[in-house]
PDB file of N, CA and C in Angstrom:
ATOM      1  N   UNK A   1       0.771  -1.338   0.120  1.00  0.00           N
ATOM      2  CA  UNK A   1      -0.103  -0.297  -0.429  1.00  0.00           C
ATOM      3  C   UNK A   1       1.028   1.654   0.365  1.00  0.00           C
ATOM      4  N   UNK A   2       2.175   1.108   0.626  1.00  0.00           N
ATOM      5  CA  UNK A   2       2.975   3.066   0.555  1.00  0.00           C
ATOM      6  C   UNK A   2       3.501   2.576  -0.698  1.00  0.00           C
ATOM      7  N   UNK A   3       3.616   1.497  -1.080  1.00  0.00           N
ATOM      8  CA  UNK A   3       4.622   1.860  -2.622  1.00  0.00           C
ATOM      9  C   UNK A   3       3.915   2.624  -3.238  1.00  0.00           C
ATOM     10  N   UNK A   4       2.527   2.755  -3.584  1.00  0.00           N
ATOM     11  CA  UNK A   4       1.456   3.059  -4.230  1.00  0.00           C
ATOM     12  C   UNK A   4       1.237   4.331  -4.242  1.00  0.00           C
ATOM     13  N   UNK A   5       1.627   4.555  -3.069  1.00  0.00           N
ATOM     14  CA  UNK A   5       1.218   6.527  -2.529  1.00  0.00           C
ATOM     15  C   UNK A   5       2.397   6.714  -2.787  1.00  0.00           C
ATOM     16  N   UNK A   6       3.614   6.174  -2.258  1.00  0.00           N
ATOM     17  CA  UNK A   6       4.384   7.063  -3.210  1.00  0.00           C
ATOM     18  C   UNK A   6       4.868   6.832  -4.695  1.00  0.00           C
ATOM     19  N   UNK A   7       4.257   5.914  -4.981  1.00  0.00           N
ATOM     20  CA  UNK A   7       4.235   6.098  -6.894  1.00  0.00           C
ATOM     21  C   UNK A   7       3.957   7.089  -7.498  1.00  0.00           C
ATOM     22  N   UNK A   8       2.194   7.598  -6.785  1.00  0.00           N
ATOM     23  CA  UNK A   8       1.347   8.471  -7.398  1.00  0.00           C
ATOM     24  C   UNK A   8       2.064   9.741  -7.133  1.00  0.00           C
ATOM     25  N   UNK A   9       2.808  10.274  -5.754  1.00  0.00           N
ATOM     26  CA  UNK A   9       2.843  11.540  -5.837  1.00  0.00           C
ATOM     27  C   UNK A   9       4.534  11.376  -6.069  1.00  0.00           C
ATOM     28  N   UNK A  10       5.217  10.689  -6.441  1.00  0.00           N
ATOM     29  CA  UNK A  10       6.714  10.742  -7.267  1.00  0.00           C
ATOM     30  C   UNK A  10       6.663  10.774  -8.486  1.00  0.00           C
ATOM     31  N   UNK A  11       6.136   9.977  -9.465  1.00  0.00           N
ATOM     32  CA  UNK A  11       5.331   9.534 -10.742  1.00  0.00           C
ATOM     33  C   UNK A  11       3.733   9.975 -11.271  1.00  0.00           C
ATOM     34  N   UNK A  12       3.976  11.551 -10.918  1.00  0.00           N
ATOM     35  CA  UNK A  12       2.247  12.129 -11.482  1.00  0.00           C
ATOM     36  C   UNK A  12       2.468  10.827 -13.332  1.00  0.00           C
ATOM     37  N   UNK A  13       1.038  10.985 -13.197  1.00  0.00           N
ATOM     38  CA  UNK A  13       0.735  10.221 -14.598  1.00  0.00           C
ATOM     39  C   UNK A  13       0.777  11.383 -15.821  1.00  0.00           C
ATOM     40  N   UNK A  14       1.247  10.872 -16.673  1.00  0.00           N
ATOM     41  CA  UNK A  14       1.271  11.929 -17.903  1.00  0.00           C
ATOM     42  C   UNK A  14       0.972  10.797 -19.558  1.00  0.00           C
ATOM     43  N   UNK A  15       0.817  12.107 -20.216  1.00  0.00           N
ATOM     44  CA  UNK A  15       0.133  11.074 -21.873  1.00  0.00           C
ATOM     45  C   UNK A  15       1.569  11.880 -22.572  1.00  0.00           C
ATOM     46  N   UNK A  16       1.456  10.632 -23.471  1.00  0.00           N
ATOM     47  CA  UNK A  16       2.773  11.415 -24.301  1.00  0.00           C
ATOM     48  C   UNK A  16       3.495  12.440 -23.681  1.00  0.00           C
ATOM     49  N   UNK A  17       3.943  12.261 -22.308  1.00  0.00           N
ATOM     50  CA  UNK A  17       5.195  12.181 -21.839  1.00  0.00           C
ATOM     51  C   UNK A  17       5.458  14.432 -21.631  1.00  0.00           C
ATOM     52  N   UNK A  18       3.496  14.471 -21.204  1.00  0.00           N
ATOM     53  CA  UNK A  18       2.550  15.939 -20.334  1.00  0.00           C
ATOM     54  C   UNK A  18       2.434  15.233 -19.644  1.00  0.00           C
ATOM     55  N   UNK A  19       1.815  16.124 -18.963  1.00  0.00           N
ATOM     56  CA  UNK A  19       0.856  15.933 -17.745  1.00  0.00           C
ATOM     57  C   UNK A  19      -0.483  15.929 -18.038  1.00  0.00           C
ATOM     58  N   UNK A  20      -1.288  15.047 -17.266  1.00  0.00           N
ATOM     59  CA  UNK A  20      -2.063  14.200 -18.383  1.00  0.00           C
ATOM     60  C   UNK A  20      -3.861  15.298 -18.277  1.00  0.00           C
ATOM     61  N   UNK A  21      -4.029  15.771 -17.692  1.00  0.00           N
ATOM     62  CA  UNK A  21      -4.698  17.183 -17.452  1.00  0.00           C
ATOM     63  C   UNK A  21      -4.828  18.665 -18.592  1.00  0.00           C
ATOM     64  N   UNK A  22      -3.798  18.793 -18.350  1.00  0.00           N
ATOM     65  CA  UNK A  22      -3.061  20.033 -20.235  1.00  0.00           C
ATOM     66  C   UNK A  22      -3.464  19.400 -21.443  1.00  0.00           C
ATOM     67  N   UNK A  23      -3.141  18.020 -21.241  1.00  0.00           N
ATOM     68  CA  UNK A  23      -3.194  17.491 -22.434  1.00  0.00           C
ATOM     69  C   UNK A  23      -4.133  16.626 -23.453  1.00  0.00           C
ATOM     70  N   UNK A  24      -5.017  16.395 -22.444  1.00  0.00           N
ATOM     71  CA  UNK A  24      -6.377  16.129 -22.473  1.00  0.00           C
ATOM     72  C   UNK A  24      -7.604  17.603 -23.472  1.00  0.00           C
ATOM     73  N   UNK A  25      -6.770  19.065 -22.319  1.00  0.00           N
ATOM     74  CA  UNK A  25      -7.409  20.277 -22.309  1.00  0.00           C
ATOM     75  C   UNK A  25      -7.031  20.493 -23.458  1.00  0.00           C
ATOM     76  N   UNK A  26      -5.753  20.280 -24.138  1.00  0.00           N
ATOM     77  CA  UNK A  26      -5.414  20.970 -25.518  1.00  0.00           C
ATOM     78  C   UNK A  26      -5.854  19.838 -26.707  1.00  0.00           C
ATOM     79  N   UNK A  27      -5.548  18.928 -26.471  1.00  0.00           N
ATOM     80  CA  UNK A  27      -7.003  17.297 -27.597  1.00  0.00           C
ATOM     81  C   UNK A  27      -8.430  17.689 -27.665  1.00  0.00           C
ATOM     82  N   UNK A  28      -8.712  18.195 -26.398  1.00  0.00           N
ATOM     83  CA  UNK A  28     -10.291  18.213 -26.282  1.00  0.00           C
ATOM     84  C   UNK A  28     -11.269  19.425 -26.633  1.00  0.00           C
ATOM     85  N   UNK A  29     -10.011  20.207 -26.875  1.00  0.00           N
ATOM     86  CA  UNK A  29      -9.912  21.392 -27.567  1.00  0.00           C
ATOM     87  C   UNK A  29     -10.111  21.822 -28.714  1.00  0.00           C
ATOM     88  N   UNK A  30      -9.433  21.566 -29.366  1.00  0.00           N
ATOM     89  CA  UNK A  30      -7.998  21.687 -30.898  1.00  0.00           C
ATOM     90  C   UNK A  30      -8.922  20.800 -31.495  1.00  0.00           C
ATOM     91  N   UNK A  31      -9.339  19.952 -31.158  1.00  0.00           N
ATOM     92  CA  UNK A  31      -9.771  18.217 -31.875  1.00  0.00           C
ATOM     93  C   UNK A  31     -10.799  19.308 -32.211  1.00  0.00           C
ATOM     94  N   UNK A  32     -12.316  18.884 -32.071  1.00  0.00           N
ATOM     95  CA  UNK A  32     -13.276  19.803 -32.619  1.00  0.00           C
ATOM     96  C   UNK A  32     -13.142  20.593 -33.006  1.00  0.00           C
ATOM     97  N   UNK A  33     -12.796  21.895 -32.772  1.00  0.00           N
ATOM     98  CA  UNK A  33     -12.096  22.754 -33.696  1.00  0.00           C
ATOM     99  C   UNK A  33     -11.679  22.455 -34.816  1.00  0.00           C
ATOM    100  N   UNK A  34     -11.098  21.598 -34.842  1.00  0.00           N
ATOM    101  CA  UNK A  34     -10.575  21.523 -36.553  1.00  0.00           C
ATOM    102  C   UNK A  34     -11.736  20.951 -37.209  1.00  0.00           C
ATOM    103  N   UNK A  35     -12.325  19.812 -36.437  1.00  0.00           N
ATOM    104  CA  UNK A  35     -13.067  19.658 -37.105  1.00  0.00           C
ATOM    105  C   UNK A  35     -14.532  20.188 -37.908  1.00  0.00           C
ATOM    106  N   UNK A  36     -14.937  20.893 -36.673  1.00  0.00           N
ATOM    107  CA  UNK A  36     -14.832  22.219 -37.274  1.00  0.00           C
ATOM    108  C   UNK A  36     -15.254  22.756 -38.243  1.00  0.00           C
ATOM    109  N   UNK A  37     -14.058  23.260 -38.375  1.00  0.00           N
ATOM    110  CA  UNK A  37     -13.022  24.656 -39.286  1.00  0.00           C
ATOM    111  C   UNK A  37     -12.744  23.749 -41.052  1.00  0.00           C
ATOM    112  N   UNK A  38     -12.913  22.596 -40.326  1.00  0.00           N
ATOM    113  CA  UNK A  38     -12.632  22.180 -41.742  1.00  0.00           C
ATOM    114  C   UNK A  38     -13.733  21.049 -42.700  1.00  0.00           C
ATOM    115  N   UNK A  39     -15.479  21.203 -41.619  1.00  0.00           N
ATOM    116  CA  UNK A  39     -16.394  21.099 -42.372  1.00  0.00           C
ATOM    117  C   UNK A  39     -17.061  22.298 -43.093  1.00  0.00           C
ATOM    118  N   UNK A  40     -17.119  23.191 -42.182  1.00  0.00           N
ATOM    119  CA  UNK A  40     -17.837  25.320 -42.145  1.00  0.00           C
ATOM    120  C   UNK A  40     -16.731  24.636 -43.122  1.00  0.00           C
ATOM    121  N   UNK A  41     -15.510  25.226 -42.472  1.00  0.00           N
ATOM    122  CA  UNK A  41     -14.722  27.179 -43.853  1.00  0.00           C
ATOM    123  C   UNK A  41     -13.564  26.138 -44.657  1.00  0.00           C
ATOM    124  N   UNK A  42     -13.655  24.729 -45.024  1.00  0.00           N
ATOM    125  CA  UNK A  42     -12.467  24.160 -45.589  1.00  0.00           C
ATOM    126  C   UNK A  42     -11.784  24.426 -45.703  1.00  0.00           C
ATOM    127  N   UNK A  43     -11.128  24.550 -44.171  1.00  0.00           N
ATOM    128  CA  UNK A  43      -9.622  24.538 -43.721  1.00  0.00           C
ATOM    129  C   UNK A  43      -9.154  23.889 -43.763  1.00  0.00           C
ATOM    130  N   UNK A  44      -7.056  23.706 -44.067  1.00  0.00           N
ATOM    131  CA  UNK A  44      -6.455  22.721 -44.000  1.00  0.00           C
ATOM    132  C   UNK A  44      -6.279  21.878 -42.651  1.00  0.00           C
ATOM    133  N   UNK A  45      -6.632  20.920 -42.772  1.00  0.00           N
ATOM    134  CA  UNK A  45      -6.538  20.225 -41.360  1.00  0.00           C
ATOM    135  C   UNK A  45      -4.869  19.825 -40.802  1.00  0.00           C
ATOM    136  N   UNK A  46      -4.192  20.269 -41.543  1.00  0.00           N
ATOM    137  CA  UNK A  46      -2.397  20.657 -41.134  1.00  0.00           C
ATOM    138  C   UNK A  46      -2.179  21.875 -40.848  1.00  0.00           C
ATOM    139  N   UNK A  47      -2.770  22.510 -40.651  1.00  0.00           N
ATOM    140  CA  UNK A  47      -2.691  23.496 -39.396  1.00  0.00           C
ATOM    141  C   UNK A  47      -2.879  23.087 -38.490  1.00  0.00           C
ATOM    142  N   UNK A  48      -4.329  22.939 -38.052  1.00  0.00           N
ATOM    143  CA  UNK A  48      -4.161  22.506 -36.651  1.00  0.00           C
ATOM    144  C   UNK A  48      -3.426  21.252 -36.302  1.00  0.00           C
ATOM    145  N   UNK A  49      -3.034  20.155 -36.587  1.00  0.00           N
ATOM    146  CA  UNK A  49      -2.098  19.623 -36.704  1.00  0.00           C
ATOM    147  C   UNK A  49      -0.741  19.825 -36.197  1.00  0.00           C
ATOM    148  N   UNK A  50      -0.544  21.063 -37.267  1.00  0.00           N
ATOM    149  CA  UNK A  50       0.663  21.662 -36.110  1.00  0.00           C
ATOM    150  C   UNK A  50       0.735  23.288 -35.573  1.00  0.00           C
ATOM    151  N   UNK A  51      -0.706  23.213 -35.072  1.00  0.00           N
ATOM    152  CA  UNK A  51      -1.158  23.771 -34.118  1.00  0.00           C
ATOM    153  C   UNK A  51      -1.297  22.960 -33.008  1.00  0.00           C
ATOM    154  N   UNK A  52      -1.830  21.437 -32.648  1.00  0.00           N
ATOM    155  CA  UNK A  52      -1.655  21.057 -31.264  1.00  0.00           C
ATOM    156  C   UNK A  52      -0.324  20.022 -31.188  1.00  0.00           C
ATOM    157  N   UNK A  53       0.554  20.045 -32.003  1.00  0.00           N
ATOM    158  CA  UNK A  53       1.814  19.408 -31.653  1.00  0.00           C
ATOM    159  C   UNK A  53       3.216  20.328 -31.300  1.00  0.00           C
ATOM    160  N   UNK A  54       2.410  22.338 -31.733  1.00  0.00           N
ATOM    161  CA  UNK A  54       2.692  23.416 -31.152  1.00  0.00           C
ATOM    162  C   UNK A  54       2.919  23.151 -29.565  1.00  0.00           C
ATOM    163  N   UNK A  55       0.918  23.115 -29.273  1.00  0.00           N
ATOM    164  CA  UNK A  55       1.024  23.763 -27.976  1.00  0.00           C
ATOM    165  C   UNK A  55       1.234  22.110 -27.446  1.00  0.00           C
ATOM    166  N   UNK A  56       1.351  21.517 -27.538  1.00  0.00           N
ATOM    167  CA  UNK A  56       1.205  19.525 -26.592  1.00  0.00           C
ATOM    168  C   UNK A  56       3.412  19.547 -26.331  1.00  0.00           C
ATOM    169  N   UNK A  57       3.609  20.050 -27.487  1.00  0.00           N
ATOM    170  CA  UNK A  57       5.239  20.745 -27.324  1.00  0.00           C
ATOM    171  C   UNK A  57       5.631  21.231 -25.678  1.00  0.00           C
ATOM    172  N   UNK A  58       4.943  22.871 -26.436  1.00  0.00           N
ATOM    173  CA  UNK A  58       4.703  24.370 -24.587  1.00  0.00           C
ATOM    174  C   UNK A  58       4.576  23.356 -23.142  1.00  0.00           C
ATOM    175  N   UNK A  59       3.164  22.577 -23.435  1.00  0.00           N
ATOM    176  CA  UNK A  59       3.059  21.200 -22.519  1.00  0.00           C
ATOM    177  C   UNK A  59       3.845  20.592 -21.384  1.00  0.00           C
ATOM    178  N   UNK A  60       5.061  19.955 -22.302  1.00  0.00           N
ATOM    179  CA  UNK A  60       6.194  19.406 -22.306  1.00  0.00           C
ATOM    180  C   UNK A  60       6.565  19.150 -21.307  1.00  0.00           C
ATOM    181  N   UNK A  61       6.948  20.988 -21.646  1.00  0.00           N
ATOM    182  CA  UNK A  61       8.069  21.507 -21.330  1.00  0.00           C
ATOM    183  C   UNK A  61       8.046  22.297 -20.872  1.00  0.00           C
ATOM    184  N   UNK A  62       6.348  22.739 -20.063  1.00  0.00           N
ATOM    185  CA  UNK A  62       6.154  22.934 -18.340  1.00  0.00           C
ATOM    186  C   UNK A  62       5.792  22.119 -17.952  1.00  0.00           C
ATOM    187  N   UNK A  63       5.478  20.712 -18.739  1.00  0.00           N
ATOM    188  CA  UNK A  63       5.474  19.845 -17.423  1.00  0.00           C
ATOM    189  C   UNK A  63       6.598  19.225 -17.122  1.00  0.00           C
ATOM    190  N   UNK A  64       8.002  19.305 -17.447  1.00  0.00           N
ATOM    191  CA  UNK A  64       8.491  19.477 -16.880  1.00  0.00           C
ATOM    192  C   UNK A  64       9.738  19.948 -16.283  1.00  0.00           C
ATOM    193  N   UNK A  65       9.494  21.023 -16.247  1.00  0.00           N
ATOM    194  CA  UNK A  65       9.597  21.790 -14.896  1.00  0.00           C
ATOM    195  C   UNK A  65       9.130  22.104 -13.778  1.00  0.00           C
ATOM    196  N   UNK A  66       7.579  21.410 -13.908  1.00  0.00           N
ATOM    197  CA  UNK A  66       6.550  21.831 -13.205  1.00  0.00           C
ATOM    198  C   UNK A  66       5.315  20.324 -13.250  1.00  0.00           C
ATOM    199  N   UNK A  67       5.739  19.164 -12.737  1.00  0.00           N
ATOM    200  CA  UNK A  67       5.495  17.961 -13.024  1.00  0.00           C
ATOM    201  C   UNK A  67       4.003  17.700 -12.592  1.00  0.00           C
ATOM    202  N   UNK A  68       3.870  18.699 -11.499  1.00  0.00           N
ATOM    203  CA  UNK A  68       2.882  17.807 -10.697  1.00  0.00           C
ATOM    204  C   UNK A  68       1.704  19.275 -11.251  1.00  0.00           C
ATOM    205  N   UNK A  69       1.852  19.815 -12.705  1.00  0.00           N
ATOM    206  CA  UNK A  69       1.255  20.726 -13.461  1.00  0.00           C
ATOM    207  C   UNK A  69      -0.893  20.284 -12.901  1.00  0.00           C
ATOM    208  N   UNK A  70      -0.512  19.130 -13.056  1.00  0.00           N
ATOM    209  CA  UNK A  70      -2.159  18.232 -13.242  1.00  0.00           C
ATOM    210  C   UNK A  70      -2.603  18.704 -11.687  1.00  0.00           C
ATOM    211  N   UNK A  71      -2.370  18.985 -10.289  1.00  0.00           N
ATOM    212  CA  UNK A  71      -2.979  18.967 -10.083  1.00  0.00           C
ATOM    213  C   UNK A  71      -3.412  20.189  -9.176  1.00  0.00           C
ATOM    214  N   UNK A  72      -1.610  20.745  -9.451  1.00  0.00           N
ATOM    215  CA  UNK A  72      -2.037  22.665  -9.341  1.00  0.00           C
ATOM    216  C   UNK A  72      -3.668  22.617 -10.158  1.00  0.00           C
ATOM    217  N   UNK A  73      -4.120  22.416 -11.327  1.00  0.00           N
ATOM    218  CA  UNK A  73      -4.909  23.244 -12.022  1.00  0.00           C
ATOM    219  C   UNK A  73      -5.977  22.476 -11.175  1.00  0.00           C
ATOM    220  N   UNK A  74      -6.026  21.381 -10.977  1.00  0.00           N
ATOM    221  CA  UNK A  74      -6.954  20.194 -10.342  1.00  0.00           C
ATOM    222  C   UNK A  74      -7.436  21.143  -8.915  1.00  0.00           C
ATOM    223  N   UNK A  75      -6.436  21.898  -8.185  1.00  0.00           N
ATOM    224  CA  UNK A  75      -6.751  22.309  -7.035  1.00  0.00           C
ATOM    225  C   UNK A  75      -6.446  23.774  -7.226  1.00  0.00           C
ATOM    226  N   UNK A  76      -6.846  24.819  -8.052  1.00  0.00           N
ATOM    227  CA  UNK A  76      -6.745  25.438  -7.999  1.00  0.00           C
ATOM    228  C   UNK A  76      -8.061  25.759  -8.517  1.00  0.00           C
ATOM    229  N   UNK A  77      -8.802  24.784  -9.494  1.00  0.00           N
ATOM    230  CA  UNK A  77     -10.340  25.326  -9.326  1.00  0.00           C
ATOM    231  C   UNK A  77     -11.729  24.660  -8.048  1.00  0.00           C
ATOM    232  N   UNK A  78     -11.088  24.085  -7.468  1.00  0.00           N
ATOM    233  CA  UNK A  78     -11.324  23.426  -6.159  1.00  0.00           C
ATOM    234  C   UNK A  78     -11.635  24.568  -5.086  1.00  0.00           C
ATOM    235  N   UNK A  79     -10.237  25.749  -5.000  1.00  0.00           N
ATOM    236  CA  UNK A  79     -10.668  27.460  -4.065  1.00  0.00           C
ATOM    237  C   UNK A  79     -10.266  28.259  -5.082  1.00  0.00           C
ATOM    238  N   UNK A  80     -11.194  28.389  -5.935  1.00  0.00           N
ATOM    239  CA  UNK A  80     -11.456  30.231  -6.985  1.00  0.00           C
ATOM    240  C   UNK A  80     -12.878  29.370  -6.707  1.00  0.00           C
ATOM    241  N   UNK A  81     -13.511  28.644  -5.179  1.00  0.00           N
ATOM    242  CA  UNK A  81     -15.013  28.811  -5.470  1.00  0.00           C
ATOM    243  C   UNK A  81     -15.019  30.437  -4.380  1.00  0.00           C
ATOM    244  N   UNK A  82     -16.326  30.925  -5.394  1.00  0.00           N
ATOM    245  CA  UNK A  82     -16.685  32.221  -3.612  1.00  0.00           C
ATOM    246  C   UNK A  82     -17.018  31.741  -2.701  1.00  0.00           C
ATOM    247  N   UNK A  83     -16.606  31.492  -1.700  1.00  0.00           N
ATOM    248  CA  UNK A  83     -17.712  31.368   0.207  1.00  0.00           C
ATOM    249  C   UNK A  83     -18.424  33.310  -0.278  1.00  0.00           C
ATOM    250  N   UNK A  84     -19.548  31.937   0.798  1.00  0.00           N
ATOM    251  CA  UNK A  84     -20.331  33.068   1.423  1.00  0.00           C
ATOM    252  C   UNK A  84     -19.953  32.935   2.519  1.00  0.00           C
ATOM    253  N   UNK A  85     -18.981  34.683   3.574  1.00  0.00           N
ATOM    254  CA  UNK A  85     -19.300  35.082   4.734  1.00  0.00           C
ATOM    255  C   UNK A  85     -20.164  35.452   5.174  1.00  0.00           C
ATOM    256  N   UNK A  86     -19.898  35.219   6.599  1.00  0.00           N
ATOM    257  CA  UNK A  86     -20.492  35.596   7.705  1.00  0.00           C
ATOM    258  C   UNK A  86     -20.926  36.378   8.262  1.00  0.00           C
ATOM    259  N   UNK A  87     -19.490  37.573   8.113  1.00  0.00           N
ATOM    260  CA  UNK A  87     -19.325  38.104   8.538  1.00  0.00           C
ATOM    261  C   UNK A  87     -19.381  39.400   7.207  1.00  0.00           C
ATOM    262  N   UNK A  88     -19.516  40.639   7.637  1.00  0.00           N
ATOM    263  CA  UNK A  88     -19.426  41.711   6.105  1.00  0.00           C
ATOM    264  C   UNK A  88     -18.867  42.106   6.258  1.00  0.00           C
ATOM    265  N   UNK A  89     -18.096  41.357   5.522  1.00  0.00           N
ATOM    266  CA  UNK A  89     -16.054  42.113   4.770  1.00  0.00           C
ATOM    267  C   UNK A  89     -15.924  41.989   3.711  1.00  0.00           C
ATOM    268  N   UNK A  90     -14.190  42.645   3.684  1.00  0.00           N
ATOM    269  CA  UNK A  90     -14.467  41.986   1.858  1.00  0.00           C
ATOM    270  C   UNK A  90     -13.667  41.128   1.245  1.00  0.00           C
ATOM    271  N   UNK A  91     -13.696  41.021   0.693  1.00  0.00           N
ATOM    272  CA  UNK A  91     -13.446  39.754   0.278  1.00  0.00           C
ATOM    273  C   UNK A  91     -13.221  38.583   0.054  1.00  0.00           C
ATOM    274  N   UNK A  92     -13.068  36.525   0.125  1.00  0.00           N
ATOM    275  CA  UNK A  92     -13.559  35.482   0.988  1.00  0.00           C
ATOM    276  C   UNK A  92     -12.255  35.021   2.245  1.00  0.00           C
ATOM    277  N   UNK A  93     -13.321  35.111   3.137  1.00  0.00           N
ATOM    278  CA  UNK A  93     -12.819  34.900   4.133  1.00  0.00           C
ATOM    279  C   UNK A  93     -12.292  32.918   4.498  1.00  0.00           C
ATOM    280  N   UNK A  94     -13.264  32.555   3.380  1.00  0.00           N
ATOM    281  CA  UNK A  94     -13.116  30.547   3.838  1.00  0.00           C
ATOM    282  C   UNK A  94     -13.796  30.746   4.217  1.00  0.00           C
ATOM    283  N   UNK A  95     -15.219  31.723   4.993  1.00  0.00           N
ATOM    284  CA  UNK A  95     -15.826  30.593   6.297  1.00  0.00           C
ATOM    285  C   UNK A  95     -16.647  29.818   6.035  1.00  0.00           C
ATOM    286  N   UNK A  96     -17.304  29.222   6.821  1.00  0.00           N
ATOM    287  CA  UNK A  96     -18.509  28.612   6.271  1.00  0.00           C
ATOM    288  C   UNK A  96     -19.586  28.598   6.258  1.00  0.00           C
TER     289      UNK A  96
END
């Protein structure tokens, strides 16, 4: 059991050598845009393939500098919620 926890912390999941969440977001946004542009505007799909590969290389470089990039994005999504303050003060006080 201890080995699994250490492995998950030491080696975050990767997809094609990049952090998994930004890689999936890159493909999930650009591939549908490519199909829509090809279907509607008759655009050459090679432009999108070059864009996908370029963005993926940038994600791989960012993932090499910060291997826990996926975890940081997930943590930001959980803490970026607007809380309702009990007392009238400015800003979020993270009170229940």
